[in-house]
């Protein structure tokens, strides 16, 4: 059949770009920006899903395809997945991809899919570092004889809460850290 071929979609910024895919022909006419996002020259690979899949981490490829199939079958409103893709710099980059089937043939087969990709590598690295910092703080807090906490009070003084409480609060006050962070007034009721 005849397929409409629009001009490339010029939407890029903040590490995100728009792509389109024609599944019946395996064409990804706007994937050049995706390759560039990973550090490859725009014309380094032919613009196909097969070539993009070669860059996806083998452990993520099946889950990525399964996420798309859930959308294709109508089980999800859109396709969305986070996976690792191999960059020209010799390391894995985290990619957050979303897409939606925007055109189907008369028999219901997908004809055109539009979506976005974002490089979230820096965000993932920051989350990993923050998680390691929290684990280190928890380890230190276990060895402190008292309770470590962070208490935040709003300017109007009506919305005060604990944003961090060490595990030792349970031994000291009989309250779990989660309970105390959920309701700071529990401490006042227990100690009054």
N, C-alpha and C. Protein backbone atom coordinates (compact mmCIF):
# COMPACT_ATOMS: atom_id res chain seq x y z
N UNK A 1 0.81 -1.18 0.00
CA UNK A 1 0.00 0.00 0.00
C UNK A 1 0.85 1.24 0.00
N UNK A 2 0.20 2.36 -0.15
CA UNK A 2 0.86 3.66 -0.17
C UNK A 2 0.93 4.20 1.26
N UNK A 3 2.10 4.67 1.65
CA UNK A 3 2.28 5.24 2.99
C UNK A 3 2.65 6.70 2.87
N UNK A 4 1.99 7.49 3.68
CA UNK A 4 2.29 8.91 3.76
C UNK A 4 3.61 9.08 4.48
N UNK A 5 4.49 9.90 3.99
CA UNK A 5 5.79 10.11 4.62
C UNK A 5 5.95 11.58 4.95
N UNK A 6 5.65 11.96 6.19
CA UNK A 6 5.77 13.37 6.56
C UNK A 6 7.22 13.78 6.68
N UNK A 7 7.43 15.08 6.70
CA UNK A 7 8.78 15.59 6.92
C UNK A 7 9.20 15.22 8.34
N UNK A 8 10.51 15.15 8.61
CA UNK A 8 10.97 14.85 9.96
C UNK A 8 10.35 15.81 10.98
N UNK A 9 10.06 15.29 12.14
CA UNK A 9 9.43 16.09 13.19
C UNK A 9 10.49 16.85 13.97
N UNK A 10 10.54 18.18 13.84
CA UNK A 10 11.60 18.96 14.46
C UNK A 10 11.30 19.32 15.91
N UNK A 11 11.35 18.35 16.80
CA UNK A 11 11.05 18.62 18.20
C UNK A 11 12.14 17.99 19.05
N UNK A 12 13.09 18.79 19.49
CA UNK A 12 14.19 18.26 20.27
C UNK A 12 14.61 19.29 21.28
N UNK A 13 14.97 18.83 22.44
CA UNK A 13 15.45 19.73 23.47
C UNK A 13 15.47 19.02 24.80
N UNK A 14 16.37 19.43 25.65
CA UNK A 14 16.50 18.87 26.99
C UNK A 14 16.68 17.35 26.94
N UNK A 15 17.36 16.86 25.90
CA UNK A 15 17.63 15.43 25.81
C UNK A 15 16.45 14.60 25.34
N UNK A 16 15.43 15.22 24.78
CA UNK A 16 14.24 14.51 24.32
C UNK A 16 14.01 14.80 22.85
N UNK A 17 13.56 13.79 22.11
CA UNK A 17 13.20 14.03 20.72
C UNK A 17 11.98 13.19 20.36
N UNK A 18 11.34 13.57 19.28
CA UNK A 18 10.14 12.88 18.79
C UNK A 18 10.55 11.92 17.67
N UNK A 19 9.94 10.73 17.66
CA UNK A 19 10.20 9.75 16.63
C UNK A 19 8.88 9.22 16.08
N UNK A 20 8.97 8.62 14.91
CA UNK A 20 7.83 7.90 14.35
C UNK A 20 8.34 6.58 13.81
N UNK A 21 7.44 5.61 13.80
CA UNK A 21 7.80 4.26 13.35
C UNK A 21 6.68 3.72 12.49
N UNK A 22 7.03 3.12 11.38
CA UNK A 22 6.07 2.42 10.53
C UNK A 22 6.38 0.93 10.64
N UNK A 23 5.69 0.22 11.56
CA UNK A 23 6.01 -1.18 11.85
C UNK A 23 6.00 -2.10 10.64
N UNK A 24 5.07 -1.93 9.72
CA UNK A 24 4.98 -2.82 8.56
C UNK A 24 6.22 -2.79 7.69
N UNK A 25 6.95 -1.69 7.72
CA UNK A 25 8.15 -1.55 6.90
C UNK A 25 9.41 -1.41 7.75
N UNK A 26 9.26 -1.46 9.08
CA UNK A 26 10.37 -1.33 10.02
C UNK A 26 11.14 -0.02 9.82
N UNK A 27 10.46 1.02 9.39
CA UNK A 27 11.11 2.30 9.15
C UNK A 27 10.99 3.20 10.39
N UNK A 28 12.10 3.81 10.78
CA UNK A 28 12.15 4.81 11.84
C UNK A 28 12.77 6.07 11.22
N UNK A 29 12.00 6.80 10.42
CA UNK A 29 12.60 7.91 9.67
C UNK A 29 13.18 9.02 10.55
N UNK A 30 12.78 9.12 11.81
CA UNK A 30 13.28 10.20 12.67
C UNK A 30 14.27 9.71 13.72
N UNK A 31 14.81 8.51 13.56
CA UNK A 31 15.67 7.93 14.59
C UNK A 31 17.08 8.52 14.59
N UNK A 32 17.44 9.29 13.56
CA UNK A 32 18.78 9.88 13.52
C UNK A 32 19.08 10.65 14.80
N UNK A 33 18.10 11.38 15.32
CA UNK A 33 18.33 12.14 16.56
C UNK A 33 18.54 11.20 17.74
N UNK A 34 17.90 10.03 17.70
CA UNK A 34 18.13 9.04 18.74
C UNK A 34 19.56 8.53 18.71
N UNK A 35 20.06 8.24 17.51
CA UNK A 35 21.45 7.81 17.37
C UNK A 35 22.39 8.92 17.84
N UNK A 36 22.08 10.16 17.47
CA UNK A 36 22.90 11.29 17.90
C UNK A 36 22.86 11.45 19.42
N UNK A 37 21.68 11.20 20.03
CA UNK A 37 21.55 11.28 21.48
C UNK A 37 22.54 10.32 22.15
N UNK A 38 22.80 9.18 21.50
CA UNK A 38 23.73 8.20 22.04
C UNK A 38 25.16 8.43 21.56
N UNK A 39 25.38 9.51 20.82
CA UNK A 39 26.73 9.89 20.40
C UNK A 39 27.17 9.39 19.04
N UNK A 40 26.27 8.77 18.28
CA UNK A 40 26.63 8.27 16.96
C UNK A 40 26.35 9.33 15.90
N UNK A 41 27.10 9.33 14.81
CA UNK A 41 26.76 10.23 13.70
C UNK A 41 25.36 9.87 13.18
N UNK A 42 24.63 10.84 12.71
CA UNK A 42 23.24 10.64 12.28
C UNK A 42 23.11 9.53 11.24
N UNK A 43 24.07 9.39 10.36
CA UNK A 43 23.95 8.40 9.28
C UNK A 43 24.75 7.12 9.56
N UNK A 44 25.10 6.88 10.82
CA UNK A 44 25.91 5.72 11.20
C UNK A 44 25.16 4.40 10.99
N UNK A 45 23.85 4.40 11.23
CA UNK A 45 23.00 3.22 11.08
C UNK A 45 21.86 3.54 10.13
N UNK A 46 21.35 2.52 9.45
CA UNK A 46 20.12 2.70 8.67
C UNK A 46 18.99 2.92 9.68
N UNK A 47 18.02 3.78 9.35
CA UNK A 47 16.96 4.14 10.30
C UNK A 47 15.87 3.08 10.42
N UNK A 48 16.20 1.95 11.10
CA UNK A 48 15.23 0.87 11.27
C UNK A 48 15.12 0.49 12.74
N UNK A 49 14.00 -0.12 13.09
CA UNK A 49 13.82 -0.62 14.46
C UNK A 49 14.85 -1.71 14.76
N UNK A 50 15.16 -2.53 13.77
CA UNK A 50 16.15 -3.60 13.96
C UNK A 50 17.50 -3.02 14.38
N UNK A 51 17.92 -1.94 13.75
CA UNK A 51 19.20 -1.32 14.12
C UNK A 51 19.13 -0.68 15.50
N UNK A 52 17.98 -0.06 15.83
CA UNK A 52 17.85 0.51 17.17
C UNK A 52 17.89 -0.62 18.21
N UNK A 53 17.21 -1.72 17.93
CA UNK A 53 17.19 -2.85 18.87
C UNK A 53 18.59 -3.40 19.12
N UNK A 54 19.48 -3.30 18.15
CA UNK A 54 20.87 -3.76 18.34
C UNK A 54 21.56 -2.99 19.46
N UNK A 55 21.10 -1.77 19.75
CA UNK A 55 21.73 -0.94 20.77
C UNK A 55 21.11 -1.15 22.16
N UNK A 56 19.92 -1.74 22.21
CA UNK A 56 19.24 -1.95 23.50
C UNK A 56 19.92 -3.10 24.24
N UNK A 57 20.12 -2.91 25.54
CA UNK A 57 20.75 -3.94 26.37
C UNK A 57 19.99 -5.25 26.22
N UNK A 58 20.69 -6.37 26.04
CA UNK A 58 20.00 -7.66 25.85
C UNK A 58 19.03 -7.99 26.98
N UNK A 59 19.34 -7.59 28.21
CA UNK A 59 18.44 -7.87 29.34
C UNK A 59 17.18 -7.01 29.31
N UNK A 60 17.16 -5.95 28.52
CA UNK A 60 16.02 -5.03 28.47
C UNK A 60 15.17 -5.19 27.21
N UNK A 61 15.70 -5.88 26.22
CA UNK A 61 15.04 -5.95 24.91
C UNK A 61 13.67 -6.62 24.97
N UNK A 62 13.56 -7.77 25.62
CA UNK A 62 12.27 -8.47 25.68
C UNK A 62 11.22 -7.66 26.44
N UNK A 63 11.62 -7.05 27.56
CA UNK A 63 10.67 -6.24 28.33
C UNK A 63 10.22 -5.01 27.55
N UNK A 64 11.13 -4.45 26.77
CA UNK A 64 10.78 -3.29 25.94
C UNK A 64 9.73 -3.69 24.90
N UNK A 65 9.95 -4.83 24.25
CA UNK A 65 9.01 -5.29 23.24
C UNK A 65 7.66 -5.65 23.88
N UNK A 66 7.70 -6.25 25.05
CA UNK A 66 6.47 -6.61 25.76
C UNK A 66 5.67 -5.36 26.12
N UNK A 67 6.36 -4.29 26.50
CA UNK A 67 5.66 -3.03 26.82
C UNK A 67 4.95 -2.50 25.57
N UNK A 68 5.60 -2.58 24.41
CA UNK A 68 4.96 -2.15 23.17
C UNK A 68 3.75 -3.03 22.85
N UNK A 69 3.91 -4.35 22.99
CA UNK A 69 2.81 -5.26 22.67
C UNK A 69 1.59 -5.04 23.56
N UNK A 70 1.81 -4.70 24.83
CA UNK A 70 0.67 -4.39 25.71
C UNK A 70 -0.13 -3.21 25.14
N UNK A 71 0.58 -2.22 24.62
CA UNK A 71 -0.11 -1.07 24.01
C UNK A 71 -0.80 -1.50 22.71
N UNK A 72 -0.11 -2.26 21.89
CA UNK A 72 -0.68 -2.69 20.60
C UNK A 72 -1.98 -3.48 20.81
N UNK A 73 -2.03 -4.29 21.86
CA UNK A 73 -3.23 -5.09 22.15
C UNK A 73 -4.32 -4.28 22.86
N UNK A 74 -4.02 -3.02 23.19
CA UNK A 74 -5.01 -2.18 23.86
C UNK A 74 -5.03 -2.32 25.37
N UNK A 75 -4.06 -3.01 25.94
CA UNK A 75 -3.99 -3.19 27.39
C UNK A 75 -3.38 -1.98 28.09
N UNK A 76 -2.71 -1.13 27.35
CA UNK A 76 -2.11 0.09 27.90
C UNK A 76 -2.40 1.23 26.95
N UNK A 77 -2.70 2.39 27.50
CA UNK A 77 -3.05 3.55 26.69
C UNK A 77 -1.89 4.00 25.81
N UNK A 78 -0.68 3.81 26.30
CA UNK A 78 0.50 4.15 25.52
C UNK A 78 1.60 3.14 25.81
N UNK A 79 2.58 3.12 24.94
CA UNK A 79 3.77 2.31 25.17
C UNK A 79 4.72 3.16 25.99
N UNK A 80 5.27 2.60 27.06
CA UNK A 80 6.23 3.34 27.87
C UNK A 80 7.20 2.35 28.50
N UNK A 81 8.49 2.66 28.39
CA UNK A 81 9.49 1.77 28.98
C UNK A 81 10.79 2.54 29.20
N UNK A 82 11.54 2.12 30.22
CA UNK A 82 12.87 2.65 30.47
C UNK A 82 13.84 1.50 30.26
N UNK A 83 14.87 1.75 29.46
CA UNK A 83 15.84 0.69 29.15
C UNK A 83 17.21 1.30 28.94
N UNK A 84 18.20 0.42 28.84
CA UNK A 84 19.57 0.84 28.59
C UNK A 84 19.89 0.66 27.10
N UNK A 85 20.61 1.63 26.56
CA UNK A 85 21.05 1.57 25.17
C UNK A 85 22.55 1.88 25.12
N UNK A 86 23.26 1.19 24.23
CA UNK A 86 24.71 1.32 24.14
C UNK A 86 25.07 2.60 23.39
N UNK A 87 25.89 3.42 24.03
CA UNK A 87 26.32 4.68 23.43
C UNK A 87 27.65 4.56 22.72
N UNK A 88 27.90 5.51 21.85
CA UNK A 88 29.17 5.55 21.12
C UNK A 88 30.34 5.76 22.07
N UNK A 89 30.07 6.26 23.29
CA UNK A 89 31.12 6.49 24.28
C UNK A 89 31.51 5.22 25.03
N UNK A 90 30.92 4.07 24.65
CA UNK A 90 31.29 2.81 25.27
C UNK A 90 30.65 2.56 26.62
N UNK A 91 29.50 3.17 26.86
CA UNK A 91 28.79 2.90 28.11
C UNK A 91 27.29 2.86 27.86
N UNK A 92 26.57 2.29 28.83
CA UNK A 92 25.11 2.18 28.73
C UNK A 92 24.47 3.50 29.13
N UNK A 93 23.51 3.94 28.34
CA UNK A 93 22.72 5.13 28.63
C UNK A 93 21.30 4.67 28.97
N UNK A 94 20.66 5.36 29.91
CA UNK A 94 19.27 5.06 30.24
C UNK A 94 18.36 5.89 29.35
N UNK A 95 17.42 5.24 28.70
CA UNK A 95 16.50 5.89 27.77
C UNK A 95 15.07 5.67 28.27
N UNK A 96 14.31 6.75 28.37
CA UNK A 96 12.89 6.67 28.72
C UNK A 96 12.13 6.92 27.42
N UNK A 97 11.40 5.89 27.00
CA UNK A 97 10.70 5.97 25.72
C UNK A 97 9.19 5.84 25.94
N UNK A 98 8.45 6.67 25.23
CA UNK A 98 6.98 6.62 25.24
C UNK A 98 6.51 6.65 23.79
N UNK A 99 5.38 6.00 23.53
CA UNK A 99 4.83 6.03 22.17
C UNK A 99 3.36 5.66 22.16
N UNK A 100 2.74 5.96 21.04
CA UNK A 100 1.31 5.66 20.87
C UNK A 100 1.05 5.37 19.40
N UNK A 101 0.24 4.34 19.16
CA UNK A 101 -0.17 4.03 17.79
C UNK A 101 -1.15 5.11 17.36
N UNK A 102 -0.86 5.79 16.27
CA UNK A 102 -1.71 6.89 15.81
C UNK A 102 -2.43 6.56 14.51
N UNK A 103 -2.06 5.44 13.90
CA UNK A 103 -2.74 5.05 12.66
C UNK A 103 -2.70 3.53 12.54
N UNK A 104 -3.87 2.96 12.20
CA UNK A 104 -3.98 1.51 12.00
C UNK A 104 -4.56 1.25 10.62
N UNK A 105 -4.25 0.09 10.07
CA UNK A 105 -4.84 -0.31 8.80
C UNK A 105 -6.26 -0.81 9.07
N UNK A 106 -7.02 -1.12 8.03
CA UNK A 106 -8.40 -1.58 8.19
C UNK A 106 -8.50 -2.86 9.00
N UNK A 107 -7.46 -3.70 8.94
CA UNK A 107 -7.49 -4.95 9.72
C UNK A 107 -7.00 -4.75 11.15
N UNK A 108 -6.69 -3.51 11.54
CA UNK A 108 -6.28 -3.20 12.91
C UNK A 108 -4.79 -3.22 13.16
N UNK A 109 -4.01 -3.61 12.17
CA UNK A 109 -2.56 -3.65 12.35
C UNK A 109 -2.00 -2.23 12.46
N UNK A 110 -1.04 -2.01 13.33
CA UNK A 110 -0.45 -0.67 13.46
C UNK A 110 0.25 -0.26 12.17
N UNK A 111 -0.03 0.97 11.71
CA UNK A 111 0.64 1.50 10.52
C UNK A 111 1.64 2.57 10.87
N UNK A 112 1.33 3.34 11.94
CA UNK A 112 2.24 4.43 12.31
C UNK A 112 2.17 4.62 13.82
N UNK A 113 3.35 4.76 14.42
CA UNK A 113 3.48 4.98 15.85
C UNK A 113 4.31 6.25 16.03
N UNK A 114 3.87 7.13 16.94
CA UNK A 114 4.62 8.33 17.27
C UNK A 114 5.02 8.26 18.74
N UNK A 115 6.18 8.82 19.05
CA UNK A 115 6.61 8.79 20.44
C UNK A 115 7.76 9.73 20.71
N UNK A 116 8.26 9.64 21.95
CA UNK A 116 9.41 10.44 22.37
C UNK A 116 10.43 9.54 23.06
N UNK A 117 11.66 9.98 23.03
CA UNK A 117 12.74 9.34 23.77
C UNK A 117 13.49 10.41 24.52
N UNK A 118 13.87 10.09 25.75
CA UNK A 118 14.66 11.00 26.57
C UNK A 118 15.84 10.26 27.15
N UNK A 119 16.98 10.89 27.15
CA UNK A 119 18.16 10.33 27.81
C UNK A 119 18.06 10.72 29.28
N UNK A 120 17.84 9.73 30.13
CA UNK A 120 17.69 10.00 31.57
C UNK A 120 18.87 9.43 32.35
N UNK A 121 20.01 9.27 31.68
CA UNK A 121 21.20 8.71 32.31
C UNK A 121 21.61 9.52 33.53
N UNK A 122 21.70 10.82 33.39
CA UNK A 122 22.13 11.66 34.51
C UNK A 122 21.14 11.55 35.68
N UNK A 123 19.86 11.55 35.39
CA UNK A 123 18.84 11.40 36.43
C UNK A 123 19.01 10.07 37.15
N UNK A 124 19.22 8.97 36.40
CA UNK A 124 19.41 7.65 37.01
C UNK A 124 20.67 7.63 37.88
N UNK A 125 21.74 8.26 37.40
CA UNK A 125 22.97 8.29 38.19
C UNK A 125 22.77 9.06 39.49
N UNK A 126 22.02 10.17 39.44
CA UNK A 126 21.72 10.93 40.66
C UNK A 126 20.86 10.12 41.62
N UNK A 127 19.87 9.39 41.08
CA UNK A 127 19.02 8.55 41.93
C UNK A 127 19.84 7.44 42.60
N UNK A 128 20.76 6.85 41.86
CA UNK A 128 21.61 5.81 42.41
C UNK A 128 22.49 6.37 43.52
N UNK A 129 23.06 7.57 43.30
CA UNK A 129 23.90 8.20 44.31
C UNK A 129 23.08 8.55 45.55
N UNK A 130 21.87 9.08 45.35
CA UNK A 130 21.01 9.42 46.48
C UNK A 130 20.63 8.18 47.28
N UNK A 131 20.37 7.09 46.61
CA UNK A 131 20.04 5.84 47.29
C UNK A 131 21.23 5.35 48.11
N UNK A 132 22.42 5.44 47.55
CA UNK A 132 23.62 5.03 48.28
C UNK A 132 23.84 5.93 49.49
N UNK A 133 23.59 7.23 49.33
CA UNK A 133 23.73 8.17 50.45
C UNK A 133 22.73 7.85 51.56
N UNK A 134 21.48 7.52 51.19
CA UNK A 134 20.47 7.16 52.20
C UNK A 134 20.87 5.89 52.94
N UNK A 135 21.39 4.92 52.21
CA UNK A 135 21.82 3.66 52.84
C UNK A 135 22.97 3.92 53.81
N UNK A 136 23.90 4.79 53.43
CA UNK A 136 25.04 5.14 54.29
C UNK A 136 24.55 5.85 55.54
N UNK A 137 23.60 6.77 55.39
CA UNK A 137 23.04 7.48 56.54
C UNK A 137 22.32 6.51 57.47
N UNK A 138 21.57 5.57 56.92
CA UNK A 138 20.86 4.59 57.74
C UNK A 138 21.85 3.73 58.53
N UNK A 139 22.96 3.36 57.92
CA UNK A 139 23.98 2.58 58.61
C UNK A 139 24.58 3.37 59.77
N UNK A 140 24.88 4.62 59.53
CA UNK A 140 25.41 5.49 60.60
C UNK A 140 24.37 5.66 61.70
N UNK A 141 23.13 5.89 61.31
CA UNK A 141 22.06 6.14 62.29
C UNK A 141 21.84 4.94 63.21
N UNK A 142 22.07 3.72 62.71
CA UNK A 142 21.90 2.53 63.56
C UNK A 142 22.85 2.51 64.73
N UNK A 143 23.98 3.21 64.62
CA UNK A 143 25.01 3.18 65.65
C UNK A 143 24.98 4.40 66.56
N UNK A 144 24.06 5.30 66.33
CA UNK A 144 23.90 6.48 67.19
C UNK A 144 22.99 6.09 68.35
N UNK A 145 23.36 6.42 69.59
CA UNK A 145 22.54 6.00 70.72
C UNK A 145 21.14 6.62 70.74
N UNK A 146 20.95 7.77 70.19
CA UNK A 146 19.64 8.42 70.15
C UNK A 146 19.00 8.27 68.80
N UNK A 147 18.09 9.16 68.49
CA UNK A 147 17.37 9.14 67.22
C UNK A 147 17.84 10.30 66.35
N UNK A 148 18.11 10.02 65.09
CA UNK A 148 18.41 11.07 64.13
C UNK A 148 17.13 11.39 63.38
N UNK A 149 16.91 12.67 63.12
CA UNK A 149 15.69 13.04 62.40
C UNK A 149 15.91 14.37 61.68
N UNK A 150 15.04 14.60 60.72
CA UNK A 150 14.95 15.90 60.05
C UNK A 150 13.50 16.32 60.14
N UNK A 151 13.27 17.48 60.70
CA UNK A 151 11.93 17.99 60.93
C UNK A 151 11.77 19.27 60.13
N UNK A 152 10.69 19.38 59.38
CA UNK A 152 10.45 20.56 58.55
C UNK A 152 9.14 21.19 58.99
N UNK A 153 9.18 22.49 59.17
CA UNK A 153 7.99 23.22 59.57
C UNK A 153 7.70 24.28 58.52
N UNK A 154 6.46 24.38 58.11
CA UNK A 154 6.08 25.37 57.10
C UNK A 154 6.09 26.76 57.70
N UNK A 155 6.07 27.76 56.83
CA UNK A 155 6.08 29.16 57.28
C UNK A 155 4.87 29.48 58.16
N UNK A 156 3.74 28.85 57.90
CA UNK A 156 2.54 29.12 58.71
C UNK A 156 2.50 28.29 59.99
N UNK A 157 3.51 27.45 60.20
CA UNK A 157 3.67 26.62 61.40
C UNK A 157 2.56 25.59 61.58
N UNK A 158 1.71 25.42 60.60
CA UNK A 158 0.62 24.46 60.73
C UNK A 158 0.92 23.12 60.06
N UNK A 159 1.88 23.09 59.22
CA UNK A 159 2.19 21.87 58.48
C UNK A 159 3.61 21.42 58.78
N UNK A 160 3.82 20.89 59.95
CA UNK A 160 5.13 20.39 60.36
C UNK A 160 5.17 18.88 60.16
N UNK A 161 6.35 18.40 59.78
CA UNK A 161 6.46 16.96 59.57
C UNK A 161 7.91 16.51 59.64
N UNK A 162 8.08 15.23 59.93
CA UNK A 162 9.39 14.61 59.88
C UNK A 162 9.60 14.12 58.46
N UNK A 163 10.72 14.50 57.84
CA UNK A 163 11.03 13.99 56.50
C UNK A 163 12.04 12.86 56.57
N UNK A 164 12.71 12.74 57.72
CA UNK A 164 13.60 11.61 57.96
C UNK A 164 13.56 11.28 59.44
N UNK A 165 13.50 10.01 59.76
CA UNK A 165 13.56 9.52 61.14
C UNK A 165 14.34 8.22 61.11
N UNK A 166 15.32 8.08 61.99
CA UNK A 166 16.09 6.84 62.03
C UNK A 166 15.29 5.73 62.70
N UNK A 167 15.71 4.51 62.46
CA UNK A 167 15.02 3.32 62.98
C UNK A 167 14.95 3.31 64.50
N UNK A 168 15.87 3.98 65.17
CA UNK A 168 15.93 3.95 66.63
C UNK A 168 14.70 4.57 67.28
N UNK A 169 13.85 5.27 66.51
CA UNK A 169 12.65 5.87 67.10
C UNK A 169 11.73 4.80 67.68
N UNK A 170 11.76 3.61 67.07
CA UNK A 170 10.89 2.54 67.57
C UNK A 170 11.33 2.09 68.96
N UNK A 171 12.65 1.93 69.16
CA UNK A 171 13.16 1.52 70.47
C UNK A 171 12.94 2.62 71.51
N UNK A 172 13.02 3.88 71.09
CA UNK A 172 12.89 4.99 72.04
C UNK A 172 11.43 5.35 72.34
N UNK A 173 10.57 5.32 71.32
CA UNK A 173 9.21 5.83 71.50
C UNK A 173 8.11 4.81 71.17
N UNK A 174 8.50 3.64 70.67
CA UNK A 174 7.50 2.65 70.31
C UNK A 174 6.77 2.98 69.02
N UNK A 175 7.35 3.82 68.20
CA UNK A 175 6.76 4.22 66.91
C UNK A 175 7.71 3.85 65.78
N UNK A 176 7.18 3.32 64.69
CA UNK A 176 8.03 3.06 63.53
C UNK A 176 8.36 4.39 62.85
N UNK A 177 9.45 4.38 62.12
CA UNK A 177 9.84 5.59 61.38
C UNK A 177 8.74 5.99 60.41
N UNK A 178 8.13 5.02 59.72
CA UNK A 178 7.06 5.33 58.77
C UNK A 178 5.87 5.99 59.47
N UNK A 179 5.49 5.46 60.65
CA UNK A 179 4.36 6.04 61.39
C UNK A 179 4.65 7.47 61.81
N UNK A 180 5.86 7.71 62.26
CA UNK A 180 6.22 9.06 62.70
C UNK A 180 6.30 10.04 61.54
N UNK A 181 6.79 9.58 60.39
CA UNK A 181 6.84 10.47 59.23
C UNK A 181 5.45 10.73 58.68
N UNK A 182 4.54 9.77 58.84
CA UNK A 182 3.16 9.96 58.37
C UNK A 182 2.39 10.93 59.25
N UNK A 183 2.69 10.94 60.56
CA UNK A 183 1.95 11.81 61.48
C UNK A 183 2.86 12.21 62.63
N UNK A 184 3.42 13.41 62.55
CA UNK A 184 4.36 13.90 63.56
C UNK A 184 3.70 14.06 64.93
N UNK A 185 2.39 14.26 64.96
CA UNK A 185 1.72 14.45 66.25
C UNK A 185 1.70 13.17 67.08
N UNK A 186 1.98 12.02 66.47
CA UNK A 186 2.06 10.77 67.22
C UNK A 186 3.12 10.85 68.30
N UNK A 187 4.23 11.52 68.03
CA UNK A 187 5.30 11.66 69.01
C UNK A 187 4.83 12.46 70.22
N UNK A 188 4.09 13.53 69.95
CA UNK A 188 3.58 14.37 71.04
C UNK A 188 2.61 13.55 71.89
N UNK A 189 1.74 12.79 71.26
CA UNK A 189 0.78 11.97 72.01
C UNK A 189 1.48 10.90 72.85
N UNK A 190 2.57 10.34 72.33
CA UNK A 190 3.29 9.28 73.07
C UNK A 190 4.09 9.83 74.23
N UNK A 191 4.60 11.05 74.09
CA UNK A 191 5.49 11.59 75.14
C UNK A 191 4.77 12.53 76.10
N UNK A 192 3.48 12.78 75.86
CA UNK A 192 2.75 13.73 76.73
C UNK A 192 2.32 13.06 78.01
